[in-house]
């Protein structure tokens, strides 16, 4: 429920999960940017 009221919580959790999986900071940033772009396009 917290994630629904505060989307930044979801983003922070996703970053932590990717970090635990051994992903680099650059990879995480590219992934987040890609998801944001895709969401904007699908909203349009």
Foldseek 3Di string as FASTA:
>chain_A
DVCVVPVVVVLVVVVVVCVVVVDDPVVSVVVVVVVVVVVVVVVD
